[in-house]
Protein backbone atom coordinates (compact mmCIF):
# COMPACT_ATOMS: atom_id res chain seq x y z
CA MET A 1 15.34 -28.27 26.75
CA ALA A 2 12.41 -29.86 28.44
CA ALA A 3 9.59 -27.66 30.32
CA THR A 4 7.19 -28.04 33.17
CA GLU A 5 4.53 -25.99 34.82
CA VAL A 6 5.10 -24.38 38.44
CA GLY A 7 2.48 -21.71 39.93
CA GLY A 8 1.21 -20.95 36.47
CA LEU A 9 4.60 -19.93 35.04
CA ARG A 10 7.15 -22.08 32.46
CA ILE A 11 9.93 -23.27 33.57
CA SER A 12 12.57 -24.93 31.49
CA TYR A 13 15.65 -27.01 32.35
CA GLU A 14 17.92 -29.13 31.04
CA ARG A 15 18.20 -33.07 31.89
CA ALA A 16 21.27 -34.98 31.34
CA GLY A 17 22.66 -38.32 32.60
CA THR A 18 21.50 -40.71 35.47
CA GLY A 19 21.58 -41.63 39.47
CA PRO A 20 20.96 -39.54 42.29
CA PRO A 21 19.07 -35.94 41.22
CA LEU A 22 21.40 -33.23 41.35
CA VAL A 23 19.52 -29.98 40.95
CA LEU A 24 21.96 -26.56 39.80
CA LEU A 25 20.67 -23.20 40.33
CA HIS A 26 22.13 -20.55 38.13
CA GLY A 27 23.23 -17.03 39.10
CA TYR A 28 21.13 -14.02 38.14
CA VAL A 29 23.55 -13.59 35.17
CA GLY A 30 22.90 -16.93 33.33
CA ASP A 31 20.36 -19.41 32.84
CA GLY A 32 20.80 -23.17 33.01
CA ARG A 33 22.15 -24.30 29.68
CA THR A 34 24.66 -21.24 29.65
CA THR A 35 26.13 -21.51 32.97
CA TRP A 36 26.45 -25.24 33.99
CA HIS A 37 27.21 -26.60 30.67
CA HIS A 38 30.29 -28.10 32.47
CA GLN A 39 28.47 -29.50 34.75
CA LEU A 40 25.79 -30.88 32.45
CA ASP A 41 28.73 -32.79 30.63
CA GLY A 42 31.27 -33.64 33.72
CA LEU A 43 28.92 -34.81 36.22
CA SER A 44 26.23 -36.63 33.96
CA ASP A 45 28.01 -40.21 34.53
CA GLU A 46 27.17 -40.52 38.18
CA PHE A 47 24.23 -38.40 38.39
CA THR A 48 20.87 -37.17 37.12
CA VAL A 49 21.67 -33.51 36.73
CA PHE A 50 18.77 -31.02 36.51
CA ALA A 51 19.68 -27.61 35.44
CA TRP A 52 16.66 -25.36 35.78
CA ASP A 53 15.98 -21.79 34.05
CA ALA A 54 15.02 -19.54 36.90
CA PRO A 55 11.26 -17.91 36.44
CA GLY A 56 13.06 -14.81 34.30
CA ALA A 57 16.05 -16.47 32.64
CA GLY A 58 16.33 -18.76 29.41
CA GLY A 59 13.17 -20.53 28.47
CA SER A 60 11.16 -20.11 31.63
CA SER A 61 8.30 -17.09 32.09
CA ASP A 62 9.08 -13.69 33.34
CA PRO A 63 7.72 -14.06 37.34
CA PRO A 64 5.82 -10.81 38.85
CA GLU A 65 8.01 -7.78 39.50
CA SER A 66 7.06 -8.65 43.19
CA PHE A 67 7.96 -12.02 42.90
CA GLY A 68 10.93 -11.69 45.79
CA THR A 69 13.04 -14.48 47.56
CA ALA A 70 9.84 -15.83 48.77
CA GLY A 71 8.19 -16.05 45.44
CA TYR A 72 11.40 -17.88 43.80
CA ALA A 73 11.94 -20.65 46.35
CA ALA A 74 8.05 -21.59 46.06
CA ALA A 75 8.87 -21.90 42.60
CA LEU A 76 12.02 -24.12 43.43
CA ALA A 77 10.12 -26.14 45.80
CA GLY A 78 7.59 -26.78 43.01
CA PHE A 79 9.78 -27.37 40.36
CA VAL A 80 11.11 -30.28 42.42
CA ALA A 81 8.09 -31.91 42.84
CA ALA A 82 6.23 -31.64 39.57
CA LEU A 83 9.83 -33.51 38.22
CA GLY A 84 9.19 -35.93 41.26
CA LEU A 85 12.78 -35.77 42.64
CA ASP A 86 13.35 -37.43 46.09
CA ALA A 87 16.21 -35.85 48.23
CA PRO A 88 17.98 -34.52 45.50
CA HIS A 89 21.12 -32.59 45.89
CA VAL A 90 21.12 -28.90 45.34
CA VAL A 91 24.01 -26.76 44.17
CA GLY A 92 23.41 -22.94 43.64
CA LEU A 93 25.85 -20.55 42.41
CA SER A 94 25.77 -17.02 43.68
CA PHE A 95 21.94 -16.10 43.48
CA GLY A 96 21.62 -19.66 43.13
CA GLY A 97 23.02 -20.08 46.69
CA ILE A 98 20.84 -17.64 47.73
CA LEU A 99 17.87 -19.90 46.63
CA ALA A 100 19.18 -22.90 47.78
CA LEU A 101 19.16 -21.30 51.42
CA ALA A 102 16.12 -19.83 50.79
CA LEU A 103 14.70 -23.55 50.16
CA TYR A 104 15.82 -24.70 52.83
CA ARG A 105 14.86 -22.69 55.24
CA ARG A 106 10.83 -23.10 53.76
CA HIS A 107 11.41 -26.90 52.91
CA SER A 108 13.90 -28.33 55.10
CA GLY A 109 13.39 -31.93 54.69
CA LEU A 110 13.89 -31.43 50.75
CA PRO A 111 17.36 -31.05 50.03
CA ARG A 112 19.72 -33.78 50.99
CA THR A 113 23.12 -31.79 50.86
CA LEU A 114 23.66 -27.89 49.97
CA THR A 115 26.63 -27.17 47.09
CA LEU A 116 26.55 -23.01 47.63
CA ALA A 117 29.36 -22.07 44.69
CA SER A 118 30.43 -17.81 45.32
CA ALA A 119 27.36 -17.60 47.72
CA TYR A 120 26.09 -14.78 49.73
CA ALA A 121 23.25 -15.04 52.92
CA GLY A 122 21.54 -12.67 50.45
CA TRP A 123 23.38 -9.18 49.72
CA ALA A 124 21.41 -7.86 52.87
CA GLY A 125 23.00 -10.86 54.97
CA SER A 126 26.10 -10.54 53.72
CA LEU A 127 27.32 -6.73 52.83
CA PRO A 128 27.10 -3.44 54.41
CA PRO A 129 23.48 -1.44 53.79
CA ASP A 130 25.74 1.14 51.41
CA VAL A 131 27.23 -1.58 49.49
CA VAL A 132 24.04 -3.15 49.10
CA GLU A 133 22.85 -0.29 47.93
CA GLU A 134 25.51 0.48 45.41
CA ARG A 135 25.17 -2.63 44.05
CA LEU A 136 21.54 -2.35 43.52
CA GLN A 137 21.52 0.97 41.93
CA LEU A 138 24.28 -0.05 39.24
CA PHE A 139 22.62 -3.19 38.11
CA LEU A 140 19.08 -1.25 37.93
CA ARG A 141 21.26 0.70 35.59
CA ASN A 142 22.86 -1.93 33.54
CA ALA A 143 19.90 -3.86 32.89
CA GLU A 144 18.58 -0.52 31.46
CA LEU A 145 20.79 -1.28 28.64
CA PRO A 146 21.43 -3.28 25.75
CA PRO A 147 23.43 -6.07 26.33
CA ASP A 148 26.86 -4.64 24.84
CA GLN A 149 26.53 -1.64 26.80
CA TRP A 150 26.79 -3.26 29.93
CA PRO A 151 30.34 -1.51 31.70
CA LEU A 152 33.22 -3.81 30.98
CA THR A 153 34.36 -2.81 34.53
CA TYR A 154 31.64 -4.80 36.06
CA LEU A 155 31.82 -7.59 33.63
CA ARG A 156 35.65 -8.05 34.71
CA THR A 157 34.46 -8.52 38.40
CA LEU A 158 32.76 -11.43 37.85
CA VAL A 159 35.93 -13.36 36.77
CA SER A 160 39.93 -13.53 37.56
CA GLU A 161 42.31 -11.15 35.92
CA HIS A 162 43.49 -14.08 34.68
CA ALA A 163 40.79 -15.32 33.01
CA PRO A 164 41.47 -16.28 29.36
CA ASP A 165 39.80 -14.31 26.50
CA ASP A 166 36.94 -16.98 25.96
CA VAL A 167 35.44 -17.24 29.15
CA PHE A 168 34.98 -13.52 29.17
CA ASP A 169 33.25 -13.93 25.90
CA GLU A 170 31.12 -16.27 27.22
CA ILE A 171 30.13 -14.01 29.84
CA ARG A 172 29.15 -11.47 27.27
CA SER A 173 27.08 -13.81 25.16
CA ILE A 174 25.17 -14.84 28.49
CA VAL A 175 24.55 -10.99 29.31
CA ALA A 176 22.86 -10.72 25.79
CA GLU A 177 20.44 -13.57 26.94
CA LEU A 178 19.22 -11.57 29.80
CA HIS A 179 15.47 -10.71 30.24
CA PRO A 180 15.68 -6.87 31.41
CA VAL A 181 12.47 -7.06 33.57
CA ALA A 182 13.02 -10.38 35.03
CA THR A 183 16.73 -9.47 35.75
CA ARG A 184 15.62 -6.39 37.63
CA THR A 185 13.24 -8.52 39.86
CA ALA A 186 16.01 -10.98 40.55
CA ILE A 187 18.08 -7.88 41.62
CA ARG A 188 16.07 -6.45 43.90
CA ALA A 189 15.24 -9.70 45.44
CA PHE A 190 19.37 -10.44 45.67
CA ALA A 191 19.62 -7.01 47.24
CA ALA A 192 16.60 -7.69 49.68
CA ALA A 193 17.74 -11.10 50.65
CA ASP A 194 19.00 -11.78 54.55
CA LEU A 195 19.15 -15.66 55.14
CA ARG A 196 21.57 -15.13 58.16
CA GLY A 197 18.69 -16.71 60.03
CA VAL A 198 18.68 -20.13 58.53
CA LEU A 199 22.30 -20.82 58.68
CA ALA A 200 22.88 -22.12 62.43
CA ASP A 201 19.52 -24.33 61.39
CA ILE A 202 21.04 -26.24 58.66
CA ASP A 203 21.64 -29.77 59.45
CA VAL A 204 22.48 -31.29 56.36
CA PRO A 205 26.29 -31.49 54.87
CA THR A 206 27.00 -28.53 52.90
CA LEU A 207 29.91 -27.48 50.83
CA LEU A 208 31.08 -23.90 50.12
CA VAL A 209 33.29 -23.23 47.24
CA TYR A 210 34.80 -19.76 46.47
CA GLY A 211 37.38 -18.21 44.42
CA GLU A 212 40.09 -17.04 46.24
CA ASP A 213 40.20 -14.07 43.68
CA ASP A 214 36.38 -13.57 44.18
CA VAL A 215 36.29 -9.58 44.64
CA ARG A 216 32.21 -10.13 44.81
CA ALA A 217 31.79 -12.51 47.39
CA PRO A 218 35.42 -12.37 49.41
CA GLN A 219 36.63 -13.55 52.38
CA ASP A 220 34.06 -11.29 54.66
CA VAL A 221 30.93 -12.86 52.57
CA TRP A 222 32.25 -16.59 52.98
CA HIS A 223 33.67 -16.61 55.91
CA PRO A 224 30.46 -15.82 58.14
CA LEU A 225 28.79 -18.40 56.38
CA HIS A 226 31.36 -21.37 57.06
CA SER A 227 31.87 -20.07 61.03
CA THR A 228 28.11 -20.23 61.37
CA LEU A 229 27.04 -23.59 59.42
CA CYS A 230 27.12 -26.72 61.42
CA ASP A 231 28.05 -28.92 59.32
CA SER A 232 30.02 -27.40 56.08
CA LYS A 233 33.42 -28.45 53.75
CA LEU A 234 35.02 -24.64 52.47
CA VAL A 235 37.03 -24.97 49.53
CA LEU A 236 39.15 -22.14 47.96
CA ILE A 237 40.41 -22.51 44.29
CA PRO A 238 43.19 -20.08 43.87
CA GLY A 239 43.67 -17.91 41.04
CA VAL A 240 39.60 -17.77 40.32
CA GLY A 241 36.91 -15.48 40.86
CA HIS A 242 32.88 -15.40 40.88
CA MET A 243 32.17 -17.45 37.90
CA ILE A 244 33.34 -20.90 39.34
CA ASP A 245 31.26 -22.37 36.63
CA LEU A 246 33.09 -21.12 33.89
CA GLU A 247 36.13 -20.13 34.99
CA ALA A 248 37.16 -23.48 36.80
CA GLY A 249 34.49 -26.00 35.51
CA ASP A 250 36.44 -28.83 35.94
CA ARG A 251 37.54 -28.15 39.28
CA LEU A 252 33.81 -27.55 40.61
CA ASN A 253 32.93 -30.90 39.31
CA THR A 254 35.70 -32.44 40.93
CA GLU A 255 34.96 -30.59 44.35
CA ILE A 256 31.17 -31.58 44.00
CA ARG A 257 31.53 -35.15 43.15
CA SER A 258 34.31 -35.88 46.21
CA PHE A 259 31.88 -34.34 48.13
CA LEU A 260 28.66 -36.36 47.69
CA GLY A 261 30.97 -39.39 47.68
CA ALA A 262 31.66 -38.59 50.75
CA VAL A 263 27.90 -38.23 52.24
CA PRO A 264 26.79 -41.43 53.79
CA GLY A 265 24.10 -43.06 51.56
């Protein structure tokens, strides 16, 4: 694992392959290595794949508790600059999708394309206020618990009911590596984010990928994004839940490869 420094924070990342740069942004449950190993392996034949550990995840430094979405977006822009990446393709999963939108809002000329998987326009931008508050309080309570005591009822919502046991076991191992304080920081940023205002301004090709069995980001979440974005393609994967990267990694790779292959040079 490599690392660079951005704004006084150590940012760790995985790198694989050669070709146009492809930056992968994980959700708040996970890091670059654990979340994106299917993509690091499966897309590195055509792209130089960079899977960052967001501040407070994996091998990266914990950010200040007041970091917020703006802080993560600034760190991401600094990461891209530190690595000298020119117009990278940006892929964000769940919380990573929020960061991709926040990055575009502040640095619209930076990404060449956006791929938003299981993504929200922020919780405040995609969910009713009472649902936001319910999720926030649940996750803050979870973050106080030892990883092996996180409720199974919550962990099961991250995948479909058809997900094989090894995928669920993988999620359990990912949770075991979370940074408790930094997880609370990410959750608060997640809950407060409202990025609906940037959607109509996005003028780069955008791919939306969701699982049809996703109970965390169902149609009420993805439909407003798809209908507001000017140039978006929507893919719904049958029988798959929220963590598409783990439950349908090969299918996600196929969709990303097909989408990027159709982008004009």
